[in-house]
Amino acid sequence: MSSRTLVFGTWMMLAVVVCSGCGIKTKPRAPEDVRPEQIVDLRATSVADGIQLAWTRPDRYQNHDQMRDLSDFLVLRGTGNQPMVAVGKLPVTDQQRFQQQHHMLLVDRDAKLNQHYRYQIISETSDGYQSLPSNEAALVRVATSQPAAGQTSQHPAPGIPPMSVATPVPHAP
């Protein structure tokens, strides 16, 4: 075998390896395309045991593809004109279910009467992509006899002070 044949054979093998690629079969997606769509319908209402937050669960990424890896909602709260801070995390536990919950409810049982509160929600995927913060819902908590829907449970995130919440339950739009 001549050295010329050996060099040619080596170059051919290198060309095959380089052209075979790394196995990625789809075009890489930009991080802003795989973040959940922004929640735009957050509402806050005074109820007997706190402030009830309600919103529609996002089901698409920002690029409009179907989302299948929503993992939780980060709840932000500001008191008066103070900056928003994370006060709780609500996990999404129905990803694998046939029928998923589309309307979310949450009750902040730590809200005090006659205090002004502002809220935002951020959706998170299982691999850490976050949506833009939702619209801001603000109100002064007032006394009311209307109870909040749902059963009481705790859904705090590690490192975030617990927030008393109601288990999310479906409600009429």
Protein backbone atom coordinates (compact mmCIF):
# COMPACT_ATOMS: atom_id res chain seq x y z
CA MET A 1 0.00 0.00 0.00
CA SER A 2 1.48 3.31 -1.02
CA SER A 3 1.62 6.29 1.28
CA ARG A 4 -0.61 8.16 -1.13
CA THR A 5 -3.36 5.51 -0.74
CA LEU A 6 -2.96 5.57 3.04
CA VAL A 7 -3.30 9.38 3.14
CA PHE A 8 -6.33 9.25 0.81
CA GLY A 9 -7.96 6.53 2.96
CA THR A 10 -7.32 8.53 6.14
CA TRP A 11 -8.91 11.64 4.60
CA MET A 12 -11.93 9.63 3.48
CA MET A 13 -12.45 8.22 6.98
CA LEU A 14 -12.14 11.71 8.47
CA ALA A 15 -14.71 13.05 5.98
CA VAL A 16 -17.17 10.29 6.92
CA VAL A 17 -16.77 11.03 10.64
CA VAL A 18 -17.14 14.82 10.18
CA CYS A 19 -20.16 14.51 7.89
CA SER A 20 -22.00 12.06 10.12
CA GLY A 21 -22.69 14.79 12.71
CA CYS A 22 -23.44 14.44 16.39
CA GLY A 23 -26.82 12.77 16.10
CA ILE A 24 -29.00 15.88 16.54
CA LYS A 25 -31.80 15.50 14.04
CA THR A 26 -33.61 18.80 14.63
CA LYS A 27 -32.57 22.39 14.50
CA PRO A 28 -31.52 23.72 17.94
CA ARG A 29 -34.10 26.05 19.50
CA ALA A 30 -33.35 29.37 21.14
CA PRO A 31 -34.08 29.55 24.90
CA GLU A 32 -36.67 32.28 24.37
CA ASP A 33 -38.63 29.91 22.09
CA VAL A 34 -38.98 27.18 24.74
CA ARG A 35 -40.05 29.35 27.65
CA PRO A 36 -43.73 28.99 28.61
CA GLU A 37 -46.16 31.56 27.27
CA GLN A 38 -46.76 34.48 29.60
CA ILE A 39 -49.85 34.34 31.82
CA VAL A 40 -52.00 37.37 30.98
CA ASP A 41 -55.19 36.80 32.98
CA LEU A 42 -54.07 36.73 36.64
CA ARG A 43 -56.89 37.93 38.93
CA ALA A 44 -56.94 38.54 42.69
CA THR A 45 -60.03 38.50 44.92
CA SER A 46 -60.52 38.97 48.67
CA VAL A 47 -62.02 35.86 50.25
CA ALA A 48 -62.76 34.96 53.88
CA ASP A 49 -59.44 33.22 54.45
CA GLY A 50 -57.08 35.40 52.37
CA ILE A 51 -56.54 36.53 48.80
CA GLN A 52 -57.54 34.13 46.05
CA LEU A 53 -55.47 34.17 42.86
CA ALA A 54 -56.88 32.70 39.64
CA TRP A 55 -55.30 32.25 36.19
CA THR A 56 -55.36 30.09 33.08
CA ARG A 57 -52.61 27.50 32.83
CA PRO A 58 -50.34 28.01 29.81
CA ASP A 59 -50.17 25.03 27.45
CA ARG A 60 -47.79 26.39 24.82
CA TYR A 61 -44.26 27.67 24.59
CA GLN A 62 -43.61 31.24 23.56
CA ASN A 63 -43.01 30.02 19.97
CA HIS A 64 -46.56 28.48 20.06
CA ASP A 65 -45.45 24.81 20.11
CA GLN A 66 -47.37 22.51 22.48
CA MET A 67 -45.78 22.42 25.98
CA ARG A 68 -45.53 19.08 27.79
CA ASP A 69 -43.02 19.81 30.55
CA LEU A 70 -44.67 22.47 32.75
CA SER A 71 -43.39 21.77 36.24
CA ASP A 72 -44.54 24.54 38.59
CA PHE A 73 -45.71 28.09 39.16
CA LEU A 74 -43.60 30.56 41.11
CA VAL A 75 -45.75 33.00 43.11
CA LEU A 76 -44.42 36.54 43.53
CA ARG A 77 -45.92 39.02 46.00
CA GLY A 78 -45.26 42.66 46.81
CA THR A 79 -46.71 44.56 49.74
CA GLY A 80 -47.50 48.21 49.10
CA ASN A 81 -44.72 49.61 46.90
CA GLN A 82 -42.14 47.04 48.03
CA PRO A 83 -40.47 44.91 45.31
CA MET A 84 -41.98 41.56 44.40
CA VAL A 85 -40.46 38.54 46.17
CA ALA A 86 -41.01 34.81 45.69
CA VAL A 87 -43.38 33.58 48.41
CA GLY A 88 -44.27 30.09 47.19
CA LYS A 89 -44.12 27.50 44.49
CA LEU A 90 -47.11 25.51 43.27
CA PRO A 91 -46.08 22.21 41.63
CA VAL A 92 -47.89 20.92 38.55
CA THR A 93 -48.66 17.25 39.15
CA ASP A 94 -50.98 16.36 36.27
CA GLN A 95 -48.59 16.39 33.27
CA GLN A 96 -49.16 12.70 32.54
CA ARG A 97 -52.93 12.76 33.01
CA PHE A 98 -55.36 12.53 30.12
CA GLN A 99 -57.32 15.53 31.38
CA GLN A 100 -55.22 18.35 32.74
CA GLN A 101 -56.40 21.25 34.84
CA HIS A 102 -56.71 24.45 32.78
CA HIS A 103 -57.78 26.98 35.43
CA MET A 104 -55.66 27.44 38.53
CA LEU A 105 -56.73 28.75 41.95
CA LEU A 106 -54.46 29.58 44.86
CA VAL A 107 -55.17 31.29 48.19
CA ASP A 108 -52.62 33.41 50.03
CA ARG A 109 -53.72 32.79 53.61
CA ASP A 110 -50.92 35.01 54.97
CA ALA A 111 -52.46 38.20 53.55
CA LYS A 112 -53.54 40.60 56.27
CA LEU A 113 -56.73 42.69 56.27
CA ASN A 114 -56.55 46.28 54.96
CA GLN A 115 -53.10 45.64 53.45
CA HIS A 116 -52.30 46.40 49.76
CA TYR A 117 -50.86 43.40 47.86
CA ARG A 118 -49.56 42.88 44.32
CA TYR A 119 -49.04 39.46 42.72
CA GLN A 120 -47.43 37.93 39.65
CA ILE A 121 -47.01 34.30 38.54
CA ILE A 122 -44.08 32.79 36.62
CA SER A 123 -44.45 29.39 34.91
CA GLU A 124 -41.45 27.04 34.97
CA THR A 125 -40.60 23.99 32.87
CA SER A 126 -38.93 20.86 34.22
CA ASP A 127 -35.62 21.91 32.68
CA GLY A 128 -35.67 25.38 34.28
CA TYR A 129 -37.03 27.67 31.57
CA GLN A 130 -39.22 30.43 33.02
CA SER A 131 -41.98 32.47 31.43
CA LEU A 132 -42.04 36.22 31.63
CA PRO A 133 -43.87 37.39 34.78
CA SER A 134 -47.66 37.48 34.43
CA ASN A 135 -49.75 40.60 34.45
CA GLU A 136 -49.86 42.19 37.90
CA ALA A 137 -52.95 41.63 40.04
CA ALA A 138 -53.31 44.09 42.91
CA LEU A 139 -55.85 44.73 45.65
CA VAL A 140 -56.38 45.67 49.28
CA ARG A 141 -57.58 42.68 51.29
CA VAL A 142 -60.97 43.39 52.84
CA ALA A 143 -63.18 41.36 55.16
CA THR A 144 -65.60 39.07 53.34
CA SER A 145 -67.61 35.99 54.17
CA GLN A 146 -66.93 34.33 50.80
CA PRO A 147 -64.81 31.18 51.42
CA ALA A 148 -62.06 30.21 49.00
CA ALA A 149 -62.55 27.13 46.83
CA GLY A 150 -60.37 24.06 47.33
CA GLN A 151 -58.85 22.11 50.15
CA THR A 152 -56.05 23.42 52.34
CA SER A 153 -52.54 22.15 51.67
CA GLN A 154 -48.95 23.41 51.61
CA HIS A 155 -46.88 23.75 48.44
CA PRO A 156 -43.71 25.60 49.47
CA ALA A 157 -40.52 25.42 47.47
CA PRO A 158 -37.23 24.67 49.19
CA GLY A 159 -35.68 27.90 50.43
CA ILE A 160 -38.83 29.95 49.95
CA PRO A 161 -40.96 30.80 52.98
CA PRO A 162 -44.13 28.68 52.96
CA MET A 163 -47.28 30.21 51.57
CA SER A 164 -50.61 28.80 52.68
CA VAL A 165 -52.45 27.85 49.53
CA ALA A 166 -55.59 26.13 48.42
CA THR A 167 -55.21 23.08 46.22
CA PRO A 168 -55.83 24.19 42.63
CA VAL A 169 -59.31 23.23 41.50
CA PRO A 170 -61.12 23.69 38.18
CA HIS A 171 -63.52 26.60 38.03
CA ALA A 172 -65.74 28.15 35.43
CA PRO A 173 -63.96 30.66 33.16
